[in-house]
PDB file of N, CA and C in Angstrom:
ATOM      1  N   UNK A   1     -84.039   9.430 -33.632  1.00  0.00           N
ATOM      2  CA  UNK A   1     -83.711   9.269 -35.073  1.00  0.00           C
ATOM      3  C   UNK A   1     -82.158   9.083 -35.323  1.00  0.00           C
ATOM      4  N   UNK A   2     -81.555   8.187 -35.918  1.00  0.00           N
ATOM      5  CA  UNK A   2     -80.104   7.872 -36.136  1.00  0.00           C
ATOM      6  C   UNK A   2     -79.845   8.775 -36.985  1.00  0.00           C
ATOM      7  N   UNK A   3     -78.367   9.442 -36.305  1.00  0.00           N
ATOM      8  CA  UNK A   3     -77.613  10.604 -37.166  1.00  0.00           C
ATOM      9  C   UNK A   3     -76.545   9.831 -38.124  1.00  0.00           C
ATOM     10  N   UNK A   4     -76.678  10.495 -39.570  1.00  0.00           N
ATOM     11  CA  UNK A   4     -75.871   9.434 -40.553  1.00  0.00           C
ATOM     12  C   UNK A   4     -74.526   9.845 -39.886  1.00  0.00           C
ATOM     13  N   UNK A   5     -73.760   8.718 -40.306  1.00  0.00           N
ATOM     14  CA  UNK A   5     -72.213   8.572 -40.206  1.00  0.00           C
ATOM     15  C   UNK A   5     -71.383   9.369 -41.083  1.00  0.00           C
ATOM     16  N   UNK A   6     -70.297   9.996 -40.622  1.00  0.00           N
ATOM     17  CA  UNK A   6     -69.749  10.892 -41.642  1.00  0.00           C
ATOM     18  C   UNK A   6     -68.867   9.937 -42.636  1.00  0.00           C
ATOM     19  N   UNK A   7     -68.423  10.303 -43.511  1.00  0.00           N
ATOM     20  CA  UNK A   7     -67.515   9.465 -44.601  1.00  0.00           C
ATOM     21  C   UNK A   7     -66.552   8.914 -44.062  1.00  0.00           C
ATOM     22  N   UNK A   8     -65.772   9.300 -42.945  1.00  0.00           N
ATOM     23  CA  UNK A   8     -64.718   8.514 -42.029  1.00  0.00           C
ATOM     24  C   UNK A   8     -65.345   7.585 -41.222  1.00  0.00           C
ATOM     25  N   UNK A   9     -66.585   7.904 -40.313  1.00  0.00           N
ATOM     26  CA  UNK A   9     -67.161   6.911 -39.989  1.00  0.00           C
ATOM     27  C   UNK A   9     -67.686   5.954 -40.637  1.00  0.00           C
ATOM     28  N   UNK A  10     -68.135   5.943 -41.809  1.00  0.00           N
ATOM     29  CA  UNK A  10     -68.357   4.762 -42.756  1.00  0.00           C
ATOM     30  C   UNK A  10     -67.439   4.236 -43.235  1.00  0.00           C
ATOM     31  N   UNK A  11     -65.988   4.843 -43.693  1.00  0.00           N
ATOM     32  CA  UNK A  11     -64.775   4.132 -44.062  1.00  0.00           C
ATOM     33  C   UNK A  11     -64.403   3.054 -42.585  1.00  0.00           C
ATOM     34  N   UNK A  12     -64.603   3.742 -41.546  1.00  0.00           N
ATOM     35  CA  UNK A  12     -63.707   3.120 -40.386  1.00  0.00           C
ATOM     36  C   UNK A  12     -64.828   1.586 -40.290  1.00  0.00           C
ATOM     37  N   UNK A  13     -66.238   1.829 -40.307  1.00  0.00           N
ATOM     38  CA  UNK A  13     -66.866   0.672 -40.046  1.00  0.00           C
ATOM     39  C   UNK A  13     -66.605  -0.622 -40.988  1.00  0.00           C
ATOM     40  N   UNK A  14     -66.596  -0.003 -42.463  1.00  0.00           N
ATOM     41  CA  UNK A  14     -66.142  -0.755 -43.531  1.00  0.00           C
ATOM     42  C   UNK A  14     -65.017  -1.466 -43.276  1.00  0.00           C
ATOM     43  N   UNK A  15     -63.741  -0.718 -42.721  1.00  0.00           N
ATOM     44  CA  UNK A  15     -62.738  -1.373 -42.522  1.00  0.00           C
ATOM     45  C   UNK A  15     -62.402  -2.517 -41.187  1.00  0.00           C
ATOM     46  N   UNK A  16     -63.382  -2.093 -40.288  1.00  0.00           N
ATOM     47  CA  UNK A  16     -63.755  -3.246 -38.940  1.00  0.00           C
ATOM     48  C   UNK A  16     -64.300  -4.262 -39.569  1.00  0.00           C
ATOM     49  N   UNK A  17     -65.578  -4.170 -40.344  1.00  0.00           N
ATOM     50  CA  UNK A  17     -66.112  -5.415 -41.006  1.00  0.00           C
ATOM     51  C   UNK A  17     -65.153  -6.433 -41.579  1.00  0.00           C
ATOM     52  N   UNK A  18     -64.233  -5.408 -42.346  1.00  0.00           N
ATOM     53  CA  UNK A  18     -63.245  -6.201 -43.342  1.00  0.00           C
ATOM     54  C   UNK A  18     -62.489  -6.738 -42.728  1.00  0.00           C
ATOM     55  N   UNK A  19     -61.875  -6.332 -41.788  1.00  0.00           N
ATOM     56  CA  UNK A  19     -60.568  -6.841 -40.972  1.00  0.00           C
ATOM     57  C   UNK A  19     -61.166  -8.032 -39.818  1.00  0.00           C
ATOM     58  N   UNK A  20     -62.286  -7.805 -39.145  1.00  0.00           N
ATOM     59  CA  UNK A  20     -62.830  -9.000 -38.449  1.00  0.00           C
ATOM     60  C   UNK A  20     -64.167  -9.311 -38.520  1.00  0.00           C
ATOM     61  N   UNK A  21     -64.521  -9.974 -40.114  1.00  0.00           N
ATOM     62  CA  UNK A  21     -65.835 -10.237 -40.231  1.00  0.00           C
ATOM     63  C   UNK A  21     -66.477 -11.143 -39.655  1.00  0.00           C
ATOM     64  N   UNK A  22     -66.072 -12.060 -38.819  1.00  0.00           N
ATOM     65  CA  UNK A  22     -66.636 -12.991 -38.165  1.00  0.00           C
ATOM     66  C   UNK A  22     -66.269 -12.977 -36.806  1.00  0.00           C
ATOM     67  N   UNK A  23     -65.359 -12.144 -36.407  1.00  0.00           N
ATOM     68  CA  UNK A  23     -64.768 -12.207 -34.984  1.00  0.00           C
ATOM     69  C   UNK A  23     -65.366 -10.970 -34.326  1.00  0.00           C
ATOM     70  N   UNK A  24     -65.215 -11.180 -33.001  1.00  0.00           N
ATOM     71  CA  UNK A  24     -65.604  -9.906 -31.934  1.00  0.00           C
ATOM     72  C   UNK A  24     -64.387  -9.160 -32.224  1.00  0.00           C
ATOM     73  N   UNK A  25     -64.756  -7.735 -31.818  1.00  0.00           N
ATOM     74  CA  UNK A  25     -63.580  -6.721 -32.106  1.00  0.00           C
ATOM     75  C   UNK A  25     -63.162  -6.597 -30.455  1.00  0.00           C
ATOM     76  N   UNK A  26     -63.539  -7.258 -29.623  1.00  0.00           N
ATOM     77  CA  UNK A  26     -62.919  -7.148 -28.278  1.00  0.00           C
ATOM     78  C   UNK A  26     -61.763  -8.137 -28.381  1.00  0.00           C
ATOM     79  N   UNK A  27     -61.670  -9.140 -29.105  1.00  0.00           N
ATOM     80  CA  UNK A  27     -60.794 -10.067 -29.180  1.00  0.00           C
ATOM     81  C   UNK A  27     -59.385  -9.397 -29.375  1.00  0.00           C
ATOM     82  N   UNK A  28     -59.520  -8.288 -30.206  1.00  0.00           N
ATOM     83  CA  UNK A  28     -58.174  -7.716 -30.796  1.00  0.00           C
ATOM     84  C   UNK A  28     -57.968  -6.189 -30.299  1.00  0.00           C
ATOM     85  N   UNK A  29     -58.781  -5.940 -29.282  1.00  0.00           N
ATOM     86  CA  UNK A  29     -58.878  -4.540 -28.828  1.00  0.00           C
ATOM     87  C   UNK A  29     -57.914  -4.641 -27.661  1.00  0.00           C
ATOM     88  N   UNK A  30     -57.042  -3.134 -27.467  1.00  0.00           N
ATOM     89  CA  UNK A  30     -56.336  -2.688 -26.609  1.00  0.00           C
ATOM     90  C   UNK A  30     -57.099  -2.430 -25.119  1.00  0.00           C
ATOM     91  N   UNK A  31     -58.304  -2.278 -25.354  1.00  0.00           N
ATOM     92  CA  UNK A  31     -58.991  -2.218 -24.282  1.00  0.00           C
ATOM     93  C   UNK A  31     -59.827  -3.697 -23.694  1.00  0.00           C
ATOM     94  N   UNK A  32     -59.463  -4.761 -24.047  1.00  0.00           N
ATOM     95  CA  UNK A  32     -60.112  -5.965 -23.996  1.00  0.00           C
ATOM     96  C   UNK A  32     -59.613  -6.476 -22.039  1.00  0.00           C
ATOM     97  N   UNK A  33     -60.223  -5.635 -21.229  1.00  0.00           N
ATOM     98  CA  UNK A  33     -60.126  -6.171 -20.090  1.00  0.00           C
ATOM     99  C   UNK A  33     -61.148  -5.220 -19.215  1.00  0.00           C
ATOM    100  N   UNK A  34     -61.386  -5.786 -18.118  1.00  0.00           N
ATOM    101  CA  UNK A  34     -62.928  -5.039 -17.523  1.00  0.00           C
ATOM    102  C   UNK A  34     -62.606  -4.067 -16.526  1.00  0.00           C
ATOM    103  N   UNK A  35     -61.632  -3.598 -16.545  1.00  0.00           N
ATOM    104  CA  UNK A  35     -61.478  -2.210 -15.864  1.00  0.00           C
ATOM    105  C   UNK A  35     -61.098  -1.164 -16.950  1.00  0.00           C
ATOM    106  N   UNK A  36     -60.716  -1.590 -18.041  1.00  0.00           N
ATOM    107  CA  UNK A  36     -60.472  -0.724 -19.119  1.00  0.00           C
ATOM    108  C   UNK A  36     -61.659  -0.510 -19.953  1.00  0.00           C
ATOM    109  N   UNK A  37     -62.550  -1.352 -20.085  1.00  0.00           N
ATOM    110  CA  UNK A  37     -63.721  -1.086 -20.965  1.00  0.00           C
ATOM    111  C   UNK A  37     -65.092  -1.729 -20.087  1.00  0.00           C
ATOM    112  N   UNK A  38     -66.032  -0.477 -20.578  1.00  0.00           N
ATOM    113  CA  UNK A  38     -67.130  -0.739 -19.253  1.00  0.00           C
ATOM    114  C   UNK A  38     -68.313  -0.592 -20.380  1.00  0.00           C
ATOM    115  N   UNK A  39     -68.160  -1.007 -21.699  1.00  0.00           N
ATOM    116  CA  UNK A  39     -69.454  -1.091 -22.648  1.00  0.00           C
ATOM    117  C   UNK A  39     -70.195  -2.245 -22.368  1.00  0.00           C
ATOM    118  N   UNK A  40     -71.574  -2.182 -22.419  1.00  0.00           N
ATOM    119  CA  UNK A  40     -72.384  -3.393 -22.258  1.00  0.00           C
ATOM    120  C   UNK A  40     -72.028  -4.208 -23.455  1.00  0.00           C
ATOM    121  N   UNK A  41     -71.601  -3.776 -24.546  1.00  0.00           N
ATOM    122  CA  UNK A  41     -71.316  -5.184 -25.398  1.00  0.00           C
ATOM    123  C   UNK A  41     -70.195  -5.792 -25.392  1.00  0.00           C
ATOM    124  N   UNK A  42     -69.118  -5.469 -24.359  1.00  0.00           N
ATOM    125  CA  UNK A  42     -68.317  -6.321 -24.019  1.00  0.00           C
ATOM    126  C   UNK A  42     -68.620  -7.727 -23.376  1.00  0.00           C
ATOM    127  N   UNK A  43     -67.993  -8.762 -23.903  1.00  0.00           N
ATOM    128  CA  UNK A  43     -66.696  -8.917 -24.822  1.00  0.00           C
ATOM    129  C   UNK A  43     -67.224  -9.557 -26.065  1.00  0.00           C
ATOM    130  N   UNK A  44     -68.398  -9.227 -26.443  1.00  0.00           N
ATOM    131  CA  UNK A  44     -69.221  -9.522 -27.995  1.00  0.00           C
ATOM    132  C   UNK A  44     -69.240  -8.386 -28.901  1.00  0.00           C
ATOM    133  N   UNK A  45     -68.588  -7.512 -28.805  1.00  0.00           N
ATOM    134  CA  UNK A  45     -68.803  -6.127 -29.667  1.00  0.00           C
ATOM    135  C   UNK A  45     -68.497  -6.361 -31.240  1.00  0.00           C
ATOM    136  N   UNK A  46     -69.133  -6.123 -32.108  1.00  0.00           N
ATOM    137  CA  UNK A  46     -68.960  -6.178 -33.552  1.00  0.00           C
ATOM    138  C   UNK A  46     -68.849  -4.626 -33.898  1.00  0.00           C
ATOM    139  N   UNK A  47     -69.201  -3.834 -33.241  1.00  0.00           N
ATOM    140  CA  UNK A  47     -69.253  -2.393 -33.651  1.00  0.00           C
ATOM    141  C   UNK A  47     -68.819  -1.690 -32.313  1.00  0.00           C
ATOM    142  N   UNK A  48     -67.709  -0.651 -32.195  1.00  0.00           N
ATOM    143  CA  UNK A  48     -67.358  -0.043 -31.302  1.00  0.00           C
ATOM    144  C   UNK A  48     -66.886   1.040 -31.444  1.00  0.00           C
ATOM    145  N   UNK A  49     -67.096   2.390 -31.039  1.00  0.00           N
ATOM    146  CA  UNK A  49     -66.430   3.602 -31.250  1.00  0.00           C
ATOM    147  C   UNK A  49     -65.143   3.912 -30.365  1.00  0.00           C
ATOM    148  N   UNK A  50     -65.085   2.940 -29.547  1.00  0.00           N
ATOM    149  CA  UNK A  50     -63.502   3.031 -28.804  1.00  0.00           C
ATOM    150  C   UNK A  50     -62.755   1.758 -29.256  1.00  0.00           C
ATOM    151  N   UNK A  51     -63.250   1.241 -30.218  1.00  0.00           N
ATOM    152  CA  UNK A  51     -62.001   0.146 -30.648  1.00  0.00           C
ATOM    153  C   UNK A  51     -60.761   0.563 -31.058  1.00  0.00           C
ATOM    154  N   UNK A  52     -59.498   0.278 -30.365  1.00  0.00           N
ATOM    155  CA  UNK A  52     -58.437   0.521 -30.826  1.00  0.00           C
ATOM    156  C   UNK A  52     -57.495  -1.048 -31.176  1.00  0.00           C
ATOM    157  N   UNK A  53     -56.758  -1.235 -32.204  1.00  0.00           N
ATOM    158  CA  UNK A  53     -56.237  -2.296 -32.315  1.00  0.00           C
ATOM    159  C   UNK A  53     -55.339  -2.550 -31.165  1.00  0.00           C
ATOM    160  N   UNK A  54     -54.632  -3.681 -30.744  1.00  0.00           N
ATOM    161  CA  UNK A  54     -53.485  -3.965 -30.044  1.00  0.00           C
ATOM    162  C   UNK A  54     -52.232  -3.636 -30.514  1.00  0.00           C
ATOM    163  N   UNK A  55     -51.355  -3.078 -30.143  1.00  0.00           N
ATOM    164  CA  UNK A  55     -50.220  -2.926 -30.517  1.00  0.00           C
ATOM    165  C   UNK A  55     -49.153  -4.019 -30.949  1.00  0.00           C
TER     166      UNK A  55
END
């Protein structure tokens, strides 16, 4: 059973879709390196709880 996202989670997902609607998040993530990210969605993630923009 899926757990509903909190309002902050929904806001964050909306912002990520707004910022990168047709791009993969990994292209702009500070963890975009094989040794820093072990998620199976990498490098084509469109949704990721660990996403942090590059500084």
